[in-house]
Amino acid sequence: MLSQTEFEQLAQAAQFRPELTIAAAPAPKKLAPFGISLLGEIETESHFADSRVVVLYSPEGDPAWNSTARVVIFLKAEIENELADDPLILQIAWQWLTEALGKFEAVAVELSGTVTRTSSQGYGAIAEESPSTIEIRASWSPVDEVDLASHISAWGELVCLAAGIGPEGVSQLSGKSH
């Protein structure tokens, strides 16, 4: 069983890529005795994503979580229109999540969520094309409460992947154009 201080220290051990700007946010108070919330954003000329992760911890556990901890994320990223038109983009975006968890060996149970893509076209005075977006909403329960940093690190990696920033050490052939 973790104390609130131990819980917060575990979460602070997360590692993020330099492209990702992180800020603390208020965590929901009614869902669990302990919680942290982080906002993540990538905003460059060719990449944009913003996201939130909430990590909840209940020392007694929660039967709905099948664990003592629950990670909840929301992510929204601009994607190239050609990618938005790909019939497999929803599965690809979910794969980004599972690959990010795997990269950090963040073992999870009760993984669930949705992936949504949106595209819009303006007409008349707003006749320009709006950027397409992908949204990922997901939650899962870490198998090991002492390994919360790996789950938070995986979330940070997911934000980078969704923004179009490839895995570290992999060069991008082209970026998103505005």
C-alpha atoms as a PDB file:
ATOM      1  CA  MET A   1       0.000   0.000   0.000  1.00  0.00           C
ATOM      2  CA  LEU A   2       1.391   3.382  -1.042  1.00  0.00           C
ATOM      3  CA  SER A   3       1.152   6.627   0.888  1.00  0.00           C
ATOM      4  CA  GLN A   4       0.146   9.739  -1.025  1.00  0.00           C
ATOM      5  CA  THR A   5       3.770  10.919  -1.008  1.00  0.00           C
ATOM      6  CA  GLU A   6       5.030   7.570  -2.343  1.00  0.00           C
ATOM      7  CA  PHE A   7       2.309   7.626  -5.022  1.00  0.00           C
ATOM      8  CA  GLU A   8       3.323  11.118  -6.159  1.00  0.00           C
ATOM      9  CA  GLN A   9       7.044  10.203  -6.145  1.00  0.00           C
ATOM     10  CA  LEU A  10       6.392   7.153  -8.324  1.00  0.00           C
ATOM     11  CA  ALA A  11       4.508   9.292 -10.819  1.00  0.00           C
ATOM     12  CA  GLN A  12       7.288  11.919 -10.863  1.00  0.00           C
ATOM     13  CA  ALA A  13       9.758   9.304 -12.109  1.00  0.00           C
ATOM     14  CA  ALA A  14       8.138   9.336 -15.562  1.00  0.00           C
ATOM     15  CA  GLN A  15      10.403  10.233 -18.483  1.00  0.00           C
ATOM     16  CA  PHE A  16       9.305  12.359 -21.420  1.00  0.00           C
ATOM     17  CA  ARG A  17      10.731  13.276 -24.795  1.00  0.00           C
ATOM     18  CA  PRO A  18      11.866  16.913 -25.140  1.00  0.00           C
ATOM     19  CA  GLU A  19       9.175  17.727 -27.737  1.00  0.00           C
ATOM     20  CA  LEU A  20       6.460  17.262 -25.096  1.00  0.00           C
ATOM     21  CA  THR A  21       5.596  20.144 -22.766  1.00  0.00           C
ATOM     22  CA  ILE A  22       4.165  18.898 -19.450  1.00  0.00           C
ATOM     23  CA  ALA A  23       2.114  20.819 -16.879  1.00  0.00           C
ATOM     24  CA  ALA A  24       0.390  19.690 -13.706  1.00  0.00           C
ATOM     25  CA  ALA A  25      -3.397  19.954 -13.547  1.00  0.00           C
ATOM     26  CA  PRO A  26      -5.910  19.365 -10.768  1.00  0.00           C
ATOM     27  CA  ALA A  27      -6.850  15.710 -10.372  1.00  0.00           C
ATOM     28  CA  PRO A  28     -10.439  14.628  -9.761  1.00  0.00           C
ATOM     29  CA  LYS A  29     -11.032  14.337  -6.022  1.00  0.00           C
ATOM     30  CA  LYS A  30     -14.117  12.112  -5.894  1.00  0.00           C
ATOM     31  CA  LEU A  31     -12.912   9.132  -7.941  1.00  0.00           C
ATOM     32  CA  ALA A  32     -10.109   7.877  -5.674  1.00  0.00           C
ATOM     33  CA  PRO A  33      -8.294   8.836  -2.471  1.00  0.00           C
ATOM     34  CA  PHE A  34      -5.148   9.810  -4.447  1.00  0.00           C
ATOM     35  CA  GLY A  35      -4.800  11.189  -7.927  1.00  0.00           C
ATOM     36  CA  ILE A  36      -2.520  13.126 -10.204  1.00  0.00           C
ATOM     37  CA  SER A  37      -3.239  14.771 -13.503  1.00  0.00           C
ATOM     38  CA  LEU A  38      -0.846  15.991 -16.168  1.00  0.00           C
ATOM     39  CA  LEU A  39      -1.392  17.954 -19.348  1.00  0.00           C
ATOM     40  CA  GLY A  40       0.867  17.294 -22.301  1.00  0.00           C
ATOM     41  CA  GLU A  41       1.201  19.387 -25.448  1.00  0.00           C
ATOM     42  CA  ILE A  42       3.224  19.401 -28.605  1.00  0.00           C
ATOM     43  CA  GLU A  43       2.948  22.499 -30.744  1.00  0.00           C
ATOM     44  CA  THR A  44       5.399  23.109 -33.515  1.00  0.00           C
ATOM     45  CA  GLU A  45       5.030  24.384 -37.054  1.00  0.00           C
ATOM     46  CA  SER A  46       4.371  20.864 -38.294  1.00  0.00           C
ATOM     47  CA  HIS A  47       3.002  18.957 -35.267  1.00  0.00           C
ATOM     48  CA  PHE A  48       0.154  19.493 -32.806  1.00  0.00           C
ATOM     49  CA  ALA A  49      -1.307  17.355 -30.042  1.00  0.00           C
ATOM     50  CA  ASP A  50      -2.684  17.986 -26.603  1.00  0.00           C
ATOM     51  CA  SER A  51      -3.571  15.447 -24.014  1.00  0.00           C
ATOM     52  CA  ARG A  52      -4.382  14.762 -20.408  1.00  0.00           C
ATOM     53  CA  VAL A  53      -3.526  11.782 -18.237  1.00  0.00           C
ATOM     54  CA  VAL A  54      -5.130  11.098 -14.873  1.00  0.00           C
ATOM     55  CA  VAL A  55      -3.707   8.444 -12.585  1.00  0.00           C
ATOM     56  CA  LEU A  56      -5.996   7.353  -9.769  1.00  0.00           C
ATOM     57  CA  TYR A  57      -4.921   5.288  -6.767  1.00  0.00           C
ATOM     58  CA  SER A  58      -7.036   3.602  -4.120  1.00  0.00           C
ATOM     59  CA  PRO A  59      -5.028   1.627  -1.524  1.00  0.00           C
ATOM     60  CA  GLU A  60      -7.962  -0.746  -1.002  1.00  0.00           C
ATOM     61  CA  GLY A  61      -8.323  -1.290  -4.732  1.00  0.00           C
ATOM     62  CA  ASP A  62     -11.433  -0.921  -6.832  1.00  0.00           C
ATOM     63  CA  PRO A  63     -13.276  -3.974  -8.194  1.00  0.00           C
ATOM     64  CA  ALA A  64     -14.181  -2.093 -11.393  1.00  0.00           C
ATOM     65  CA  TRP A  65     -10.471  -1.461 -12.024  1.00  0.00           C
ATOM     66  CA  ASN A  66      -9.328  -4.960 -11.070  1.00  0.00           C
ATOM     67  CA  SER A  67      -6.404  -3.080  -9.468  1.00  0.00           C
ATOM     68  CA  THR A  68      -5.451  -0.393  -6.967  1.00  0.00           C
ATOM     69  CA  ALA A  69      -4.689   2.091  -9.765  1.00  0.00           C
ATOM     70  CA  ARG A  70      -6.352   3.339 -12.945  1.00  0.00           C
ATOM     71  CA  VAL A  71      -4.881   5.417 -15.771  1.00  0.00           C
ATOM     72  CA  VAL A  72      -7.256   7.515 -17.872  1.00  0.00           C
ATOM     73  CA  ILE A  73      -6.177   9.462 -20.948  1.00  0.00           C
ATOM     74  CA  PHE A  74      -7.668  11.823 -23.493  1.00  0.00           C
ATOM     75  CA  LEU A  75      -5.620  12.848 -26.507  1.00  0.00           C
ATOM     76  CA  LYS A  76      -6.368  15.006 -29.519  1.00  0.00           C
ATOM     77  CA  ALA A  77      -3.905  15.436 -32.392  1.00  0.00           C
ATOM     78  CA  GLU A  78      -3.924  16.980 -35.837  1.00  0.00           C
ATOM     79  CA  ILE A  79      -3.142  14.465 -38.551  1.00  0.00           C
ATOM     80  CA  GLU A  80      -2.536  14.729 -42.261  1.00  0.00           C
ATOM     81  CA  ASN A  81      -5.746  14.493 -44.289  1.00  0.00           C
ATOM     82  CA  GLU A  82      -4.349  11.547 -46.244  1.00  0.00           C
ATOM     83  CA  LEU A  83      -3.813   9.699 -42.979  1.00  0.00           C
ATOM     84  CA  ALA A  84      -7.323  10.574 -41.796  1.00  0.00           C
ATOM     85  CA  ASP A  85      -8.679   9.038 -45.018  1.00  0.00           C
ATOM     86  CA  ASP A  86      -6.838   5.759 -44.396  1.00  0.00           C
ATOM     87  CA  PRO A  87      -9.477   3.135 -43.512  1.00  0.00           C
ATOM     88  CA  LEU A  88      -7.070   1.632 -40.960  1.00  0.00           C
ATOM     89  CA  ILE A  89      -6.291   4.859 -39.069  1.00  0.00           C
ATOM     90  CA  LEU A  90      -8.483   3.915 -36.105  1.00  0.00           C
ATOM     91  CA  GLN A  91      -6.646   0.618 -35.656  1.00  0.00           C
ATOM     92  CA  ILE A  92      -3.296   2.336 -36.245  1.00  0.00           C
ATOM     93  CA  ALA A  93      -4.000   4.911 -33.522  1.00  0.00           C
ATOM     94  CA  TRP A  94      -4.952   2.158 -31.055  1.00  0.00           C
ATOM     95  CA  GLN A  95      -1.735   0.369 -32.009  1.00  0.00           C
ATOM     96  CA  TRP A  96       0.216   3.531 -31.102  1.00  0.00           C
ATOM     97  CA  LEU A  97      -1.180   3.154 -27.587  1.00  0.00           C
ATOM     98  CA  THR A  98      -0.356  -0.533 -27.245  1.00  0.00           C
ATOM     99  CA  GLU A  99       3.130  -0.009 -28.700  1.00  0.00           C
ATOM    100  CA  ALA A 100       3.811   2.862 -26.284  1.00  0.00           C
ATOM    101  CA  LEU A 101       2.778   0.663 -23.359  1.00  0.00           C
ATOM    102  CA  GLY A 102       5.023  -2.108 -24.678  1.00  0.00           C
ATOM    103  CA  LYS A 103       7.993   0.212 -25.167  1.00  0.00           C
ATOM    104  CA  PHE A 104       7.948   1.089 -21.466  1.00  0.00           C
ATOM    105  CA  GLU A 105       6.981  -2.431 -20.351  1.00  0.00           C
ATOM    106  CA  ALA A 106       3.850  -0.929 -18.794  1.00  0.00           C
ATOM    107  CA  VAL A 107       1.779  -4.051 -18.193  1.00  0.00           C
ATOM    108  CA  ALA A 108      -1.943  -3.297 -18.071  1.00  0.00           C
ATOM    109  CA  VAL A 109      -5.265  -5.066 -17.586  1.00  0.00           C
ATOM    110  CA  GLU A 110      -8.774  -3.847 -18.348  1.00  0.00           C
ATOM    111  CA  LEU A 111      -7.504  -1.786 -21.311  1.00  0.00           C
ATOM    112  CA  SER A 112     -10.412  -0.138 -23.089  1.00  0.00           C
ATOM    113  CA  GLY A 113     -11.176   2.979 -25.067  1.00  0.00           C
ATOM    114  CA  THR A 114     -12.202   4.616 -28.305  1.00  0.00           C
ATOM    115  CA  VAL A 115     -10.489   6.214 -31.272  1.00  0.00           C
ATOM    116  CA  THR A 116     -12.285   8.905 -33.276  1.00  0.00           C
ATOM    117  CA  ARG A 117     -11.210  10.713 -36.432  1.00  0.00           C
ATOM    118  CA  THR A 118     -12.736  13.927 -37.645  1.00  0.00           C
ATOM    119  CA  SER A 119     -12.373  15.876 -40.858  1.00  0.00           C
ATOM    120  CA  SER A 120     -14.265  18.970 -41.868  1.00  0.00           C
ATOM    121  CA  GLN A 121     -14.532  21.285 -44.843  1.00  0.00           C
ATOM    122  CA  GLY A 122     -15.546  24.911 -44.570  1.00  0.00           C
ATOM    123  CA  TYR A 123     -17.711  26.644 -47.174  1.00  0.00           C
ATOM    124  CA  GLY A 124     -18.407  30.218 -48.148  1.00  0.00           C
ATOM    125  CA  ALA A 125     -16.469  32.718 -46.013  1.00  0.00           C
ATOM    126  CA  ILE A 126     -14.687  29.857 -44.245  1.00  0.00           C
ATOM    127  CA  ALA A 127     -13.906  27.875 -47.382  1.00  0.00           C
ATOM    128  CA  GLU A 128     -10.542  26.621 -46.241  1.00  0.00           C
ATOM    129  CA  GLU A 129     -10.021  23.055 -45.223  1.00  0.00           C
ATOM    130  CA  SER A 130      -9.746  22.439 -41.486  1.00  0.00           C
ATOM    131  CA  PRO A 131      -7.118  20.039 -40.224  1.00  0.00           C
ATOM    132  CA  SER A 132      -8.179  16.464 -39.582  1.00  0.00           C
ATOM    133  CA  THR A 133      -7.879  15.209 -36.031  1.00  0.00           C
ATOM    134  CA  ILE A 134      -7.655  11.955 -34.180  1.00  0.00           C
ATOM    135  CA  GLU A 135      -8.918  11.539 -30.618  1.00  0.00           C
ATOM    136  CA  ILE A 136      -7.952   8.694 -28.336  1.00  0.00           C
ATOM    137  CA  ARG A 137      -9.816   8.085 -25.108  1.00  0.00           C
ATOM    138  CA  ALA A 138      -8.550   5.143 -23.110  1.00  0.00           C
ATOM    139  CA  SER A 139      -8.183   3.746 -19.639  1.00  0.00           C
ATOM    140  CA  TRP A 140      -6.385   0.799 -18.131  1.00  0.00           C
ATOM    141  CA  SER A 141      -5.240  -0.632 -14.831  1.00  0.00           C
ATOM    142  CA  PRO A 142      -1.525  -1.034 -14.159  1.00  0.00           C
ATOM    143  CA  VAL A 143      -0.696  -4.548 -12.995  1.00  0.00           C
ATOM    144  CA  ASP A 144       2.015  -3.199 -10.669  1.00  0.00           C
ATOM    145  CA  GLU A 145       1.190  -0.032  -8.725  1.00  0.00           C
ATOM    146  CA  VAL A 146       4.900   0.553  -8.094  1.00  0.00           C
ATOM    147  CA  ASP A 147       5.431   0.900 -11.855  1.00  0.00           C
ATOM    148  CA  LEU A 148       3.220   3.953 -12.437  1.00  0.00           C
ATOM    149  CA  ALA A 149       6.058   5.937 -14.044  1.00  0.00           C
ATOM    150  CA  SER A 150       6.207   3.511 -16.982  1.00  0.00           C
ATOM    151  CA  HIS A 151       2.479   4.030 -17.659  1.00  0.00           C
ATOM    152  CA  ILE A 152       2.835   7.812 -17.540  1.00  0.00           C
ATOM    153  CA  SER A 153       5.931   7.620 -19.761  1.00  0.00           C
ATOM    154  CA  ALA A 154       3.932   5.490 -22.245  1.00  0.00           C
ATOM    155  CA  TRP A 155       1.242   8.183 -22.322  1.00  0.00           C
ATOM    156  CA  GLY A 156       3.913  10.774 -23.187  1.00  0.00           C
ATOM    157  CA  GLU A 157       5.208   8.564 -25.992  1.00  0.00           C
ATOM    158  CA  LEU A 158       1.656   8.162 -27.331  1.00  0.00           C
ATOM    159  CA  VAL A 159       1.232  11.950 -27.500  1.00  0.00           C
ATOM    160  CA  CYS A 160       4.415  12.183 -29.593  1.00  0.00           C
ATOM    161  CA  LEU A 161       3.352   9.375 -31.935  1.00  0.00           C
ATOM    162  CA  ALA A 162      -0.132  10.847 -32.431  1.00  0.00           C
ATOM    163  CA  ALA A 163       1.389  14.260 -33.215  1.00  0.00           C
ATOM    164  CA  GLY A 164       3.388  12.633 -36.004  1.00  0.00           C
ATOM    165  CA  ILE A 165       6.733  12.591 -34.220  1.00  0.00           C
ATOM    166  CA  GLY A 166       8.196   9.184 -34.921  1.00  0.00           C
ATOM    167  CA  PRO A 167       9.941   6.951 -32.418  1.00  0.00           C
ATOM    168  CA  GLU A 168      13.229   8.253 -31.076  1.00  0.00           C
ATOM    169  CA  GLY A 169      16.078   7.589 -33.464  1.00  0.00           C
ATOM    170  CA  VAL A 170      13.773   7.331 -36.502  1.00  0.00           C
ATOM    171  CA  SER A 171      13.888  10.133 -39.066  1.00  0.00           C
ATOM    172  CA  GLN A 172      10.648  11.473 -40.477  1.00  0.00           C
ATOM    173  CA  LEU A 173      10.479  11.752 -44.251  1.00  0.00           C
ATOM    174  CA  SER A 174       7.855  14.469 -44.145  1.00  0.00           C
ATOM    175  CA  GLY A 175       5.983  16.418 -41.507  1.00  0.00           C
ATOM    176  CA  LYS A 176       2.410  17.606 -41.347  1.00  0.00           C
ATOM    177  CA  SER A 177       1.874  20.697 -43.460  1.00  0.00           C
ATOM    178  CA  HIS A 178      -0.408  23.520 -42.364  1.00  0.00           C
END
